[in-house]
Amino acid sequence: MTDGAGIDASGASASPAGDVVGGTAPCAVAGGGGSPAAAGPAGHSVPDLDREIMTINIGPHHPATHGVLRLVVDLEGEMVREVRPVIGYVHTGIEKSCEDKSYWKVIPFVERMDYVSYFFQMEAYCGAVERLIDLEIPPRAKYLRTLFLELNRIHSHLVWLGTTALDLGAISMLWYCFRERDKILDLFEMATGQRMHTRYFQVGGVIEDIPLGFEAKCRAFAEEMPIRVGQYQDLLDRNEVFLSRTKGTGIVSRERLLELGVTGPLLRAAGDPWDLRKAFDYLVYPELDFKIPVGTVGDNYDRYRVRVAEMVESASIVRQCLDALPDGPFIADDRKYVLPPRSELSTSMESLIHHFKLVTEGYRVPPGEVYYSIEGPRGELGCFVLADGSAKPARVHFRDPSFVNLQSFRDMAVGGYVADMIASLGMLDPILGGVDR
């Protein structure tokens, strides 16, 4: 990985705002291009009459589709001529269900959409509501939220790397990645009581402070993670099968990705350093020192390189949050929106009644609307909330990056081999709970 601006060997320009990672020259059968002509004897083209197109289904129950995604694929031999993703098989109606719950009870719903990055769903929703009611969260809560978001980013990338490497035949990577993932889940359980779907973020801050011993255990993990990432790279960057399956495959240009609204590692792999943690001022990211890894070509190898570099940067952010974690309250002291401390419930009838009414009836939010977006593991995750003055949101809608990014899959696959399509789908990293929601 190199710093700064410049032109890589393939001629692609690198933005000065990010760090260049990877970089491979496009190959002749790169996905995202047109259909290469079939060659006959002595270089003559084969007449179109000889073409035989076969349409097959891949999914919705197929391990390589990373969830209940159905792909209707037109194949000419092993070449992909057309692909049509079909979604909706896991539709849960979560957004509509949120309109029938009080603001306080919406949080467990939204974190089950993208079930791999649940802390980000909580932050998007809680941040939107906090802006509607003009509630500022304490500095310690901001640092704790940032810390858990970056742990969750590493967790999400580990699930992506392990499952994608498994798709390409590298089964050992799944065990190594899930070894580190389990350590993150141990940290989640230690701080929240739950390994997944923790409901840790609350409107006003976090539900409780980190326990004794958490900081030391978390710091040890953050120190170890860059070493583990280096071991992953040693395994994969020297694997000829992995390199041939990723270098020069699934190329989509930066311009095309922007046309489709694609964000996150997919866009950064094509050379664009857009990252909401740098572009917008939220939580404590402006106070932290971290780099934005970018690619040069935008192939599957660059997508891999960008994500593994992001894990190293996230580990650095976790260490910085632990170093700078301020003292003070972990949640705002606004009894209109925040539950009273547990210590008061056994001594104060007023606090007990207030706790009961907040949980059962909720709180009213003044009429208004807001859109709040953050940088998730897969790109821009935004939450729109419309308030009508009642205790229930009139509308809750999420801009899920998996849904938007799925548009680019056709450009990655058409013109390449069907085997390259499987690699591209893994590198796309879609979470179908977020797509269908």
Protein backbone atom coordinates (compact mmCIF):
# COMPACT_ATOMS: atom_id res chain seq x y z
CA MET A 1 0.00 0.00 0.00
CA THR A 2 1.37 3.38 -0.96
CA ASP A 3 0.41 6.89 0.13
CA GLY A 4 -0.52 9.91 -1.88
CA ALA A 5 -1.50 10.69 -5.43
CA GLY A 6 -0.05 9.28 -8.58
CA ILE A 7 -0.55 7.07 -11.59
CA ASP A 8 -0.26 3.33 -11.13
CA ALA A 9 1.30 0.99 -13.65
CA SER A 10 -1.99 0.35 -15.40
CA GLY A 11 -2.50 4.06 -16.04
CA ALA A 12 -5.32 4.60 -13.53
CA SER A 13 -5.12 7.76 -11.48
CA ALA A 14 -5.16 7.56 -7.70
CA SER A 15 -6.80 10.31 -5.65
CA PRO A 16 -4.58 12.13 -3.14
CA ALA A 17 -7.27 11.70 -0.49
CA GLY A 18 -6.73 7.96 -0.11
CA ASP A 19 -4.12 5.25 0.09
CA VAL A 20 -3.59 3.14 -3.00
CA VAL A 21 -3.86 -0.60 -2.51
CA GLY A 22 -3.56 -3.45 -4.99
CA GLY A 23 -3.61 -2.54 -8.65
CA THR A 24 -3.75 -4.98 -11.54
CA ALA A 25 -3.91 -4.59 -15.27
CA PRO A 26 -7.30 -5.36 -16.85
CA CYS A 27 -7.50 -8.64 -18.70
CA ALA A 28 -9.21 -9.40 -21.99
CA VAL A 29 -12.19 -11.19 -20.46
CA ALA A 30 -12.77 -8.88 -17.52
CA GLY A 31 -16.34 -8.83 -16.26
CA GLY A 32 -18.16 -5.57 -16.91
CA GLY A 33 -17.15 -5.33 -20.55
CA GLY A 34 -18.99 -6.36 -23.67
CA SER A 35 -19.34 -9.87 -25.06
CA PRO A 36 -16.03 -11.02 -26.54
CA ALA A 37 -16.38 -12.42 -30.03
CA ALA A 38 -16.08 -16.17 -30.36
CA ALA A 39 -13.03 -17.07 -32.40
CA GLY A 40 -13.07 -19.77 -35.09
CA PRO A 41 -10.29 -21.41 -37.13
CA ALA A 42 -7.61 -19.02 -38.41
CA GLY A 43 -9.09 -16.25 -36.31
CA HIS A 44 -12.40 -16.03 -38.19
CA SER A 45 -15.53 -15.18 -36.19
CA VAL A 46 -18.06 -17.91 -35.54
CA PRO A 47 -21.47 -17.02 -37.08
CA ASP A 48 -24.14 -15.96 -34.59
CA LEU A 49 -26.31 -18.85 -35.80
CA ASP A 50 -23.94 -21.22 -34.03
CA ARG A 51 -24.44 -19.52 -30.66
CA GLU A 52 -26.40 -21.51 -28.12
CA ILE A 53 -27.68 -19.58 -25.09
CA MET A 54 -28.68 -21.57 -22.02
CA THR A 55 -30.63 -19.94 -19.18
CA ILE A 56 -30.07 -21.37 -15.72
CA ASN A 57 -31.04 -20.51 -12.14
CA ILE A 58 -28.38 -20.05 -9.49
CA GLY A 59 -30.12 -19.79 -6.13
CA PRO A 60 -32.15 -18.79 -4.23
CA HIS A 61 -30.91 -21.78 -2.21
CA HIS A 62 -27.27 -21.87 -3.17
CA PRO A 63 -24.26 -21.37 -0.86
CA ALA A 64 -22.48 -19.10 -3.33
CA THR A 65 -25.33 -16.55 -3.39
CA HIS A 66 -24.69 -15.57 0.26
CA GLY A 67 -28.36 -15.71 1.19
CA VAL A 68 -31.64 -16.22 -0.60
CA LEU A 69 -30.63 -14.45 -3.82
CA ARG A 70 -31.78 -15.87 -7.15
CA LEU A 71 -29.71 -15.25 -10.27
CA VAL A 72 -31.23 -15.92 -13.68
CA VAL A 73 -28.14 -16.32 -15.86
CA ASP A 74 -27.86 -16.59 -19.65
CA LEU A 75 -24.77 -18.62 -20.54
CA GLU A 76 -23.01 -19.22 -23.83
CA GLY A 77 -20.77 -22.07 -22.89
CA GLU A 78 -19.04 -20.75 -19.77
CA MET A 79 -19.45 -17.10 -20.75
CA VAL A 80 -22.09 -14.97 -19.01
CA ARG A 81 -24.19 -13.08 -21.55
CA GLU A 82 -26.87 -11.78 -19.19
CA VAL A 83 -27.68 -11.96 -15.48
CA ARG A 84 -30.85 -10.86 -13.72
CA PRO A 85 -30.84 -10.80 -9.90
CA VAL A 86 -34.22 -11.67 -8.37
CA ILE A 87 -34.78 -10.52 -4.79
CA GLY A 88 -37.58 -10.61 -2.24
CA TYR A 89 -37.35 -14.17 -0.92
CA VAL A 90 -36.56 -13.11 2.66
CA HIS A 91 -38.76 -9.99 2.78
CA THR A 92 -39.69 -9.28 6.40
CA GLY A 93 -41.48 -5.93 6.18
CA ILE A 94 -39.27 -4.49 8.91
CA GLU A 95 -39.62 -0.87 7.77
CA LYS A 96 -43.43 -1.10 7.80
CA SER A 97 -43.39 -2.85 11.16
CA CYS A 98 -41.40 0.08 12.60
CA GLU A 99 -44.37 2.38 11.93
CA ASP A 100 -46.49 0.32 14.34
CA LYS A 101 -44.00 0.54 17.23
CA SER A 102 -42.96 3.33 19.55
CA TYR A 103 -39.62 4.99 18.83
CA TRP A 104 -38.10 3.12 21.76
CA LYS A 105 -39.19 -0.29 20.41
CA VAL A 106 -37.99 0.24 16.84
CA ILE A 107 -34.31 -0.38 17.70
CA PRO A 108 -34.49 -4.22 17.88
CA PHE A 109 -36.27 -4.27 14.51
CA VAL A 110 -33.77 -2.25 12.51
CA GLU A 111 -30.67 -4.11 13.70
CA ARG A 112 -32.06 -7.31 12.16
CA MET A 113 -32.02 -6.00 8.59
CA ASP A 114 -28.30 -6.19 7.84
CA TYR A 115 -27.75 -8.91 10.40
CA VAL A 116 -23.96 -8.81 10.02
CA SER A 117 -23.55 -5.10 10.85
CA TYR A 118 -26.27 -4.52 13.43
CA PHE A 119 -24.48 -1.71 15.29
CA PHE A 120 -24.59 0.40 12.14
CA GLN A 121 -28.36 -0.03 11.80
CA MET A 122 -28.74 1.13 15.41
CA GLU A 123 -26.51 4.17 14.88
CA ALA A 124 -28.35 5.22 11.71
CA TYR A 125 -31.75 5.04 13.40
CA CYS A 126 -30.78 6.45 16.81
CA GLY A 127 -28.81 9.26 15.16
CA ALA A 128 -31.81 10.20 13.04
CA VAL A 129 -34.15 10.33 16.06
CA GLU A 130 -31.60 12.33 18.09
CA ARG A 131 -31.53 14.93 15.35
CA LEU A 132 -35.32 15.11 15.29
CA ILE A 133 -35.53 15.78 19.03
CA ASP A 134 -32.30 17.86 19.07
CA LEU A 135 -30.63 15.66 21.68
CA GLU A 136 -26.84 15.78 22.08
CA ILE A 137 -25.20 12.61 23.36
CA PRO A 138 -22.31 12.79 25.89
CA PRO A 139 -18.68 12.60 24.67
CA ARG A 140 -18.11 9.21 26.32
CA ALA A 141 -21.12 7.80 24.48
CA LYS A 142 -19.73 9.10 21.18
CA TYR A 143 -16.44 7.32 21.75
CA LEU A 144 -18.15 4.10 22.82
CA ARG A 145 -20.38 4.15 19.75
CA THR A 146 -17.41 4.73 17.46
CA LEU A 147 -15.47 1.92 19.12
CA PHE A 148 -18.29 -0.60 18.70
CA LEU A 149 -18.96 0.51 15.12
CA GLU A 150 -15.37 -0.20 14.15
CA LEU A 151 -15.36 -3.54 15.94
CA ASN A 152 -18.51 -4.36 13.98
CA ARG A 153 -16.84 -3.23 10.74
CA ILE A 154 -14.01 -5.71 11.36
CA HIS A 155 -16.59 -8.37 12.22
CA SER A 156 -18.46 -7.76 8.96
CA HIS A 157 -15.30 -7.84 6.85
CA LEU A 158 -14.21 -11.08 8.55
CA VAL A 159 -17.50 -12.75 7.62
CA TRP A 160 -17.07 -11.45 4.05
CA LEU A 161 -13.46 -12.64 3.74
CA GLY A 162 -14.08 -16.08 5.21
CA THR A 163 -17.16 -16.85 3.11
CA THR A 164 -15.75 -15.37 -0.12
CA ALA A 165 -12.48 -17.30 0.23
CA LEU A 166 -14.59 -20.41 0.82
CA ASP A 167 -16.41 -19.75 -2.47
CA LEU A 168 -13.03 -19.78 -4.19
CA GLY A 169 -11.88 -22.98 -2.50
CA ALA A 170 -9.80 -21.58 0.37
CA ILE A 171 -11.63 -23.31 3.19
CA SER A 172 -8.91 -22.64 5.80
CA MET A 173 -9.62 -18.91 5.60
CA LEU A 174 -13.13 -19.48 6.93
CA TRP A 175 -11.80 -21.00 10.15
CA TYR A 176 -9.14 -18.30 10.60
CA CYS A 177 -11.58 -15.43 10.01
CA PHE A 178 -14.22 -16.90 12.29
CA ARG A 179 -11.59 -17.37 14.99
CA GLU A 180 -11.13 -13.58 15.12
CA ARG A 181 -14.86 -12.99 14.65
CA ASP A 182 -15.54 -15.05 17.76
CA LYS A 183 -13.23 -12.80 19.77
CA ILE A 184 -15.25 -9.77 18.66
CA LEU A 185 -18.48 -11.50 19.64
CA ASP A 186 -16.92 -12.21 23.05
CA LEU A 187 -16.33 -8.45 23.42
CA PHE A 188 -19.93 -7.71 22.41
CA GLU A 189 -21.20 -10.23 24.94
CA MET A 190 -18.96 -8.86 27.67
CA ALA A 191 -20.25 -5.29 27.22
CA THR A 192 -23.88 -5.89 26.27
CA GLY A 193 -24.86 -9.37 27.40
CA GLN A 194 -25.57 -10.44 23.82
CA ARG A 195 -23.29 -11.73 21.08
CA MET A 196 -25.52 -10.50 18.25
CA HIS A 197 -28.39 -7.98 18.03
CA THR A 198 -27.28 -6.32 21.22
CA ARG A 199 -29.64 -3.29 21.39
CA TYR A 200 -26.67 -1.50 22.91
CA PHE A 201 -27.22 1.90 21.27
CA GLN A 202 -30.09 3.92 22.72
CA VAL A 203 -31.49 7.32 21.83
CA GLY A 204 -29.25 9.55 23.95
CA GLY A 205 -26.17 7.31 24.13
CA VAL A 206 -25.60 3.65 25.04
CA ILE A 207 -27.57 1.49 27.44
CA GLU A 208 -24.72 0.99 29.93
CA ASP A 209 -21.00 1.55 30.36
CA ILE A 210 -18.31 -0.96 29.45
CA PRO A 211 -17.48 -3.35 32.33
CA LEU A 212 -14.20 -3.80 34.16
CA GLY A 213 -11.71 -5.77 32.10
CA PHE A 214 -13.27 -4.84 28.77
CA GLU A 215 -10.68 -2.21 27.90
CA ALA A 216 -7.72 -4.57 28.39
CA LYS A 217 -9.36 -7.37 26.41
CA CYS A 218 -10.38 -5.02 23.61
CA ARG A 219 -6.93 -3.44 23.43
CA ALA A 220 -5.31 -6.86 23.18
CA PHE A 221 -7.58 -7.72 20.26
CA ALA A 222 -6.86 -4.41 18.50
CA GLU A 223 -3.13 -5.02 18.82
CA GLU A 224 -3.43 -8.58 17.50
CA MET A 225 -5.75 -7.87 14.56
CA PRO A 226 -3.18 -6.25 12.18
CA ILE A 227 -0.92 -9.29 12.69
CA ARG A 228 -3.79 -11.61 11.78
CA VAL A 229 -4.60 -9.54 8.69
CA GLY A 230 -0.99 -9.90 7.60
CA GLN A 231 -1.32 -13.66 7.96
CA TYR A 232 -4.47 -13.64 5.83
CA GLN A 233 -2.61 -11.74 3.14
CA ASP A 234 0.34 -14.13 3.27
CA LEU A 235 -2.03 -17.00 2.60
CA LEU A 236 -4.04 -15.42 -0.20
CA ASP A 237 -1.52 -13.16 -1.96
CA ARG A 238 0.71 -16.19 -2.61
CA ASN A 239 -2.13 -18.43 -3.75
CA GLU A 240 -2.14 -18.73 -7.54
CA VAL A 241 -5.75 -19.92 -7.63
CA PHE A 242 -6.97 -16.95 -5.59
CA LEU A 243 -4.95 -14.47 -7.65
CA SER A 244 -6.14 -15.86 -10.99
CA ARG A 245 -9.74 -15.78 -9.79
CA THR A 246 -9.60 -12.15 -8.60
CA LYS A 247 -7.05 -10.20 -10.65
CA GLY A 248 -8.60 -8.65 -13.72
CA THR A 249 -12.10 -10.02 -13.05
CA GLY A 250 -15.31 -8.12 -12.38
CA ILE A 251 -13.91 -4.73 -13.39
CA VAL A 252 -16.36 -1.82 -13.21
CA SER A 253 -15.19 1.74 -13.78
CA ARG A 254 -15.48 4.49 -11.20
CA GLU A 255 -17.76 6.48 -13.51
CA ARG A 256 -20.17 3.58 -13.92
CA LEU A 257 -20.24 2.93 -10.17
CA LEU A 258 -21.11 6.57 -9.53
CA GLU A 259 -23.91 6.38 -12.10
CA LEU A 260 -25.37 3.44 -10.19
CA GLY A 261 -25.00 5.11 -6.77
CA VAL A 262 -22.53 2.51 -5.54
CA THR A 263 -20.58 3.47 -2.41
CA GLY A 264 -18.25 1.89 0.11
CA PRO A 265 -15.34 -0.47 -0.62
CA LEU A 266 -16.65 -1.17 -4.14
CA LEU A 267 -16.31 2.49 -5.09
CA ARG A 268 -13.03 2.97 -3.25
CA ALA A 269 -11.58 -0.07 -5.02
CA ALA A 270 -12.13 1.80 -8.29
CA GLY A 271 -10.02 4.74 -7.08
CA ASP A 272 -12.60 7.06 -5.49
CA PRO A 273 -11.77 7.83 -1.81
CA TRP A 274 -15.36 8.74 -0.84
CA ASP A 275 -15.96 7.79 2.80
CA LEU A 276 -18.62 9.40 5.00
CA ARG A 277 -16.36 9.13 8.05
CA LYS A 278 -14.15 11.75 6.38
CA ALA A 279 -16.81 13.63 4.41
CA PHE A 280 -19.27 14.27 7.26
CA ASP A 281 -18.91 15.23 10.91
CA TYR A 282 -20.49 12.52 13.05
CA LEU A 283 -19.51 10.85 16.30
CA VAL A 284 -15.74 11.33 16.95
CA TYR A 285 -14.34 10.45 13.51
CA PRO A 286 -13.07 14.03 12.90
CA GLU A 287 -10.86 13.66 15.99
CA LEU A 288 -9.28 10.39 14.85
CA ASP A 289 -6.33 9.71 12.58
CA PHE A 290 -7.01 7.04 9.96
CA LYS A 291 -6.51 6.53 6.23
CA ILE A 292 -8.93 5.63 3.46
CA PRO A 293 -7.56 2.73 1.36
CA VAL A 294 -8.31 3.01 -2.36
CA GLY A 295 -7.67 0.76 -5.34
CA THR A 296 -6.54 1.55 -8.86
CA VAL A 297 -8.33 -0.77 -11.29
CA GLY A 298 -11.59 -1.70 -9.59
CA ASP A 299 -11.33 -5.47 -10.05
CA ASN A 300 -12.06 -8.17 -7.49
CA TYR A 301 -8.47 -8.13 -6.25
CA ASP A 302 -8.68 -4.41 -5.48
CA ARG A 303 -11.93 -5.00 -3.59
CA TYR A 304 -10.17 -7.62 -1.51
CA ARG A 305 -7.17 -5.36 -0.85
CA VAL A 306 -9.31 -2.40 0.16
CA ARG A 307 -11.33 -4.38 2.68
CA VAL A 308 -8.37 -6.07 4.37
CA ALA A 309 -6.65 -2.66 4.63
CA GLU A 310 -9.83 -1.27 6.20
CA MET A 311 -9.64 -3.90 8.93
CA VAL A 312 -6.19 -2.62 9.88
CA GLU A 313 -7.44 0.98 9.94
CA SER A 314 -10.46 -0.02 12.05
CA ALA A 315 -8.18 -1.70 14.57
CA SER A 316 -6.23 1.56 14.77
CA ILE A 317 -9.47 3.50 15.37
CA VAL A 318 -10.39 1.11 18.19
CA ARG A 319 -7.03 1.72 19.88
CA GLN A 320 -7.44 5.49 19.53
CA CYS A 321 -10.94 5.35 21.03
CA LEU A 322 -9.62 3.42 24.03
CA ASP A 323 -6.73 5.87 24.47
CA ALA A 324 -8.96 8.96 24.32
CA LEU A 325 -12.07 7.56 26.05
CA PRO A 326 -13.23 10.38 28.36
CA ASP A 327 -14.83 10.03 31.75
CA GLY A 328 -18.40 11.06 32.31
CA PRO A 329 -21.92 9.78 31.62
CA PHE A 330 -22.57 7.21 28.90
CA ILE A 331 -26.09 8.47 28.18
CA ALA A 332 -27.80 11.86 28.17
CA ASP A 333 -29.60 13.00 31.31
CA ASP A 334 -32.89 13.92 29.67
CA ARG A 335 -35.65 12.04 31.45
CA LYS A 336 -38.10 12.92 28.69
CA TYR A 337 -36.38 10.48 26.32
CA VAL A 338 -33.93 8.44 28.44
CA LEU A 339 -34.69 5.69 30.93
CA PRO A 340 -33.82 6.52 34.55
CA PRO A 341 -30.79 4.74 36.05
CA ARG A 342 -31.44 1.24 37.35
CA SER A 343 -30.13 2.24 40.76
CA GLU A 344 -33.13 4.56 41.22
CA LEU A 345 -35.81 2.01 40.41
CA SER A 346 -35.67 0.35 43.83
CA THR A 347 -35.70 3.62 45.79
CA SER A 348 -37.80 6.07 43.74
CA MET A 349 -41.45 5.44 42.82
CA GLU A 350 -41.29 8.39 40.43
CA SER A 351 -38.39 6.81 38.53
CA LEU A 352 -40.17 3.44 38.43
CA ILE A 353 -43.32 5.02 36.98
CA HIS A 354 -41.27 7.00 34.49
CA HIS A 355 -39.43 3.85 33.40
CA PHE A 356 -42.73 2.00 32.97
CA LYS A 357 -44.33 4.75 30.88
CA LEU A 358 -41.30 5.16 28.60
CA VAL A 359 -41.15 1.43 27.89
CA THR A 360 -44.88 0.91 27.40
CA GLU A 361 -46.03 4.20 25.85
CA GLY A 362 -42.78 5.68 24.56
CA TYR A 363 -42.10 9.38 24.03
CA ARG A 364 -43.52 11.84 21.55
CA VAL A 365 -41.32 13.32 18.82
CA PRO A 366 -42.14 16.76 17.37
CA PRO A 367 -43.34 16.74 13.73
CA GLY A 368 -40.50 16.79 11.22
CA GLU A 369 -38.34 14.62 9.01
CA VAL A 370 -34.63 13.82 8.83
CA TYR A 371 -32.18 11.72 6.82
CA TYR A 372 -29.04 10.63 8.64
CA SER A 373 -26.32 8.66 6.86
CA ILE A 374 -23.17 6.92 8.05
CA GLU A 375 -20.39 4.84 6.48
CA GLY A 376 -21.30 1.18 6.88
CA PRO A 377 -19.14 -1.82 5.97
CA ARG A 378 -20.80 -1.93 2.53
CA GLY A 379 -21.15 1.80 1.89
CA GLU A 380 -23.57 4.60 2.69
CA LEU A 381 -26.21 3.48 5.17
CA GLY A 382 -28.92 6.09 5.62
CA CYS A 383 -32.06 6.27 7.73
CA PHE A 384 -35.06 8.49 6.95
CA VAL A 385 -37.54 9.11 9.75
CA LEU A 386 -40.78 11.07 9.40
CA ALA A 387 -42.38 12.18 12.67
CA ASP A 388 -46.02 13.32 13.00
CA GLY A 389 -45.95 14.33 16.67
CA SER A 390 -47.07 10.95 18.03
CA ALA A 391 -45.13 8.29 19.93
CA LYS A 392 -44.71 6.22 16.75
CA PRO A 393 -42.76 7.18 13.60
CA ALA A 394 -44.99 7.88 10.62
CA ARG A 395 -42.33 6.52 8.25
CA VAL A 396 -39.01 4.72 8.62
CA HIS A 397 -36.96 3.99 5.51
CA PHE A 398 -33.36 2.82 5.12
CA ARG A 399 -30.98 3.34 2.24
CA ASP A 400 -29.29 -0.02 2.46
CA PRO A 401 -25.98 -0.20 0.56
CA SER A 402 -26.42 -3.90 -0.26
CA PHE A 403 -29.60 -3.06 -2.19
CA VAL A 404 -28.03 -0.21 -4.13
CA ASN A 405 -24.72 -1.97 -4.78
CA LEU A 406 -26.47 -5.04 -6.19
CA GLN A 407 -27.18 -2.99 -9.33
CA SER A 408 -23.50 -3.18 -10.25
CA PHE A 409 -23.42 -6.98 -10.30
CA ARG A 410 -24.56 -7.20 -13.93
CA ASP A 411 -21.66 -4.97 -15.00
CA MET A 412 -19.27 -7.20 -13.07
CA ALA A 413 -20.55 -10.46 -14.53
CA VAL A 414 -21.58 -9.96 -18.17
CA GLY A 415 -18.75 -10.81 -20.53
CA GLY A 416 -16.85 -12.91 -18.02
CA TYR A 417 -16.83 -16.57 -17.09
CA VAL A 418 -19.48 -18.07 -14.83
CA ALA A 419 -16.70 -18.88 -12.33
CA ASP A 420 -15.74 -15.19 -12.29
CA MET A 421 -19.37 -14.34 -11.55
CA ILE A 422 -19.19 -16.36 -8.32
CA ALA A 423 -16.02 -14.49 -7.32
CA SER A 424 -17.64 -11.14 -8.15
CA LEU A 425 -20.72 -11.93 -6.08
CA GLY A 426 -18.54 -12.75 -3.08
CA MET A 427 -16.57 -9.53 -3.50
CA LEU A 428 -19.86 -7.61 -3.82
CA ASP A 429 -20.61 -8.66 -0.22
CA PRO A 430 -24.43 -8.38 -0.30
CA ILE A 431 -26.48 -9.03 2.83
CA LEU A 432 -29.93 -10.15 1.72
CA GLY A 433 -31.61 -9.12 4.96
CA GLY A 434 -30.72 -5.55 4.05
CA VAL A 435 -31.68 -5.99 0.40
CA ASP A 436 -35.16 -7.38 1.12
CA ARG A 437 -35.88 -5.75 4.52
